[in-house]
Amino acid sequence: MDFWQVLPAAIALVLIIEGMLPFISPRRWRHMLTAVNQMQDRAIRNVGLGSMLLGLLLLYLVN
């Protein structure tokens, strides 16, 4: 498979996973967004960095 075949599938999976929490529990999702809104920018960046590093590690382990 080349990159242009895998990319749409990967984006679709991200959208499915991202949509699960608001679909299953909208109240918890709303509370989570409120908590994120109160976080400092540095904390949000650290969470984003950790998420990207974990994704890279998982991608490395899968391939």
N, C-alpha and C. Protein backbone atom coordinates (compact mmCIF):
# COMPACT_ATOMS: atom_id res chain seq x y z
N MET A 1 0.85 -1.18 0.00
CA MET A 1 0.00 0.00 0.00
C MET A 1 0.89 1.24 0.00
N ASP A 2 0.49 2.22 -0.76
CA ASP A 2 1.27 3.45 -0.73
C ASP A 2 0.61 4.46 0.20
N PHE A 3 1.31 5.55 0.41
CA PHE A 3 0.90 6.57 1.37
C PHE A 3 -0.50 7.11 1.10
N TRP A 4 -0.83 7.35 -0.17
CA TRP A 4 -2.10 7.97 -0.49
C TRP A 4 -3.29 7.04 -0.32
N GLN A 5 -3.04 5.75 -0.16
CA GLN A 5 -4.11 4.81 0.15
C GLN A 5 -4.30 4.70 1.65
N VAL A 6 -3.21 4.82 2.40
CA VAL A 6 -3.28 4.65 3.85
C VAL A 6 -3.76 5.92 4.54
N LEU A 7 -3.38 7.08 4.02
CA LEU A 7 -3.73 8.34 4.67
C LEU A 7 -5.24 8.53 4.87
N PRO A 8 -6.09 8.34 3.88
CA PRO A 8 -7.53 8.50 4.13
C PRO A 8 -8.06 7.51 5.18
N ALA A 9 -7.55 6.29 5.18
CA ALA A 9 -7.98 5.31 6.18
C ALA A 9 -7.56 5.75 7.58
N ALA A 10 -6.35 6.27 7.70
CA ALA A 10 -5.86 6.74 9.00
C ALA A 10 -6.70 7.92 9.49
N ILE A 11 -7.00 8.85 8.61
CA ILE A 11 -7.82 10.00 8.99
C ILE A 11 -9.23 9.55 9.39
N ALA A 12 -9.77 8.60 8.67
CA ALA A 12 -11.10 8.08 8.99
C ALA A 12 -11.09 7.43 10.38
N LEU A 13 -10.06 6.67 10.69
CA LEU A 13 -9.98 6.04 12.01
C LEU A 13 -9.86 7.08 13.11
N VAL A 14 -9.09 8.13 12.89
CA VAL A 14 -8.97 9.20 13.88
C VAL A 14 -10.33 9.84 14.11
N LEU A 15 -11.08 10.13 13.05
CA LEU A 15 -12.39 10.74 13.20
C LEU A 15 -13.36 9.82 13.94
N ILE A 16 -13.30 8.53 13.67
CA ILE A 16 -14.17 7.57 14.37
C ILE A 16 -13.83 7.55 15.86
N ILE A 17 -12.56 7.46 16.18
CA ILE A 17 -12.14 7.40 17.59
C ILE A 17 -12.46 8.71 18.30
N GLU A 18 -12.21 9.85 17.64
CA GLU A 18 -12.50 11.15 18.23
C GLU A 18 -14.00 11.34 18.46
N GLY A 19 -14.83 10.75 17.63
CA GLY A 19 -16.27 10.92 17.77
C GLY A 19 -16.92 9.99 18.77
N MET A 20 -16.18 9.02 19.27
CA MET A 20 -16.78 8.04 20.18
C MET A 20 -17.19 8.66 21.51
N LEU A 21 -16.33 9.46 22.13
CA LEU A 21 -16.66 10.01 23.45
C LEU A 21 -17.86 10.95 23.41
N PRO A 22 -17.93 11.92 22.47
CA PRO A 22 -19.13 12.76 22.46
C PRO A 22 -20.40 11.97 22.15
N PHE A 23 -20.28 10.89 21.38
CA PHE A 23 -21.46 10.08 21.07
C PHE A 23 -21.90 9.27 22.28
N ILE A 24 -20.94 8.66 22.97
CA ILE A 24 -21.26 7.78 24.10
C ILE A 24 -21.65 8.57 25.33
N SER A 25 -20.90 9.64 25.62
CA SER A 25 -21.15 10.39 26.85
C SER A 25 -20.95 11.89 26.61
N PRO A 26 -21.97 12.56 26.08
CA PRO A 26 -21.82 13.98 25.80
C PRO A 26 -21.55 14.82 27.06
N ARG A 27 -22.09 14.41 28.20
CA ARG A 27 -21.88 15.17 29.44
C ARG A 27 -20.41 15.12 29.86
N ARG A 28 -19.80 13.95 29.81
CA ARG A 28 -18.38 13.85 30.15
C ARG A 28 -17.51 14.62 29.17
N TRP A 29 -17.87 14.59 27.90
CA TRP A 29 -17.13 15.31 26.88
C TRP A 29 -17.17 16.81 27.15
N ARG A 30 -18.35 17.30 27.51
CA ARG A 30 -18.51 18.72 27.84
C ARG A 30 -17.68 19.10 29.05
N HIS A 31 -17.67 18.25 30.08
CA HIS A 31 -16.85 18.51 31.27
C HIS A 31 -15.36 18.49 30.92
N MET A 32 -14.95 17.58 30.06
CA MET A 32 -13.56 17.51 29.64
C MET A 32 -13.16 18.79 28.90
N LEU A 33 -14.03 19.28 28.03
CA LEU A 33 -13.73 20.52 27.31
C LEU A 33 -13.64 21.71 28.26
N THR A 34 -14.48 21.73 29.29
CA THR A 34 -14.41 22.79 30.29
C THR A 34 -13.09 22.73 31.04
N ALA A 35 -12.66 21.52 31.39
CA ALA A 35 -11.38 21.36 32.10
C ALA A 35 -10.21 21.79 31.22
N VAL A 36 -10.25 21.43 29.94
CA VAL A 36 -9.18 21.82 29.02
C VAL A 36 -9.16 23.34 28.85
N ASN A 37 -10.32 23.96 28.83
CA ASN A 37 -10.41 25.41 28.69
C ASN A 37 -9.72 26.12 29.86
N GLN A 38 -9.69 25.48 31.02
CA GLN A 38 -9.09 26.10 32.21
C GLN A 38 -7.60 25.78 32.34
N MET A 39 -7.08 24.91 31.50
CA MET A 39 -5.66 24.55 31.57
C MET A 39 -4.80 25.64 30.95
N GLN A 40 -3.56 25.72 31.42
CA GLN A 40 -2.61 26.66 30.83
C GLN A 40 -2.13 26.11 29.49
N ASP A 41 -1.67 27.02 28.63
CA ASP A 41 -1.20 26.63 27.30
C ASP A 41 -0.06 25.62 27.38
N ARG A 42 0.82 25.79 28.34
CA ARG A 42 1.97 24.88 28.47
C ARG A 42 1.51 23.45 28.77
N ALA A 43 0.50 23.31 29.62
CA ALA A 43 -0.01 21.98 29.95
C ALA A 43 -0.66 21.33 28.72
N ILE A 44 -1.39 22.12 27.94
CA ILE A 44 -2.03 21.59 26.74
C ILE A 44 -0.96 21.16 25.73
N ARG A 45 0.10 21.97 25.60
CA ARG A 45 1.20 21.60 24.69
C ARG A 45 1.87 20.31 25.14
N ASN A 46 2.05 20.15 26.45
CA ASN A 46 2.68 18.93 26.97
C ASN A 46 1.81 17.71 26.67
N VAL A 47 0.51 17.85 26.80
CA VAL A 47 -0.40 16.75 26.48
C VAL A 47 -0.31 16.42 24.99
N GLY A 48 -0.29 17.46 24.16
CA GLY A 48 -0.17 17.24 22.71
C GLY A 48 1.13 16.57 22.34
N LEU A 49 2.23 17.01 22.96
CA LEU A 49 3.54 16.40 22.70
C LEU A 49 3.54 14.94 23.13
N GLY A 50 3.00 14.66 24.31
CA GLY A 50 2.93 13.28 24.78
C GLY A 50 2.11 12.41 23.86
N SER A 51 1.01 12.95 23.36
CA SER A 51 0.15 12.21 22.43
C SER A 51 0.89 11.91 21.13
N MET A 52 1.60 12.90 20.61
CA MET A 52 2.35 12.68 19.37
C MET A 52 3.46 11.66 19.56
N LEU A 53 4.16 11.73 20.69
CA LEU A 53 5.25 10.78 20.95
C LEU A 53 4.70 9.36 21.11
N LEU A 54 3.58 9.24 21.80
CA LEU A 54 2.96 7.92 21.95
C LEU A 54 2.52 7.38 20.59
N GLY A 55 1.96 8.24 19.75
CA GLY A 55 1.57 7.83 18.41
C GLY A 55 2.76 7.38 17.58
N LEU A 56 3.87 8.12 17.67
CA LEU A 56 5.08 7.71 16.94
C LEU A 56 5.60 6.37 17.44
N LEU A 57 5.57 6.18 18.74
CA LEU A 57 6.03 4.91 19.31
C LEU A 57 5.15 3.75 18.83
N LEU A 58 3.84 3.94 18.87
CA LEU A 58 2.93 2.89 18.40
C LEU A 58 3.13 2.60 16.91
N LEU A 59 3.31 3.67 16.12
CA LEU A 59 3.54 3.50 14.70
C LEU A 59 4.82 2.73 14.46
N TYR A 60 5.86 3.04 15.22
CA TYR A 60 7.14 2.33 15.10
C TYR A 60 6.98 0.86 15.45
N LEU A 61 6.24 0.58 16.53
CA LEU A 61 6.06 -0.80 16.97
C LEU A 61 5.22 -1.61 15.97
N VAL A 62 4.24 -0.97 15.35
CA VAL A 62 3.39 -1.66 14.38
C VAL A 62 4.17 -1.98 13.11
N ASN A 63 5.02 -1.05 12.69
CA ASN A 63 5.78 -1.26 11.47
C ASN A 63 7.09 -1.90 11.84
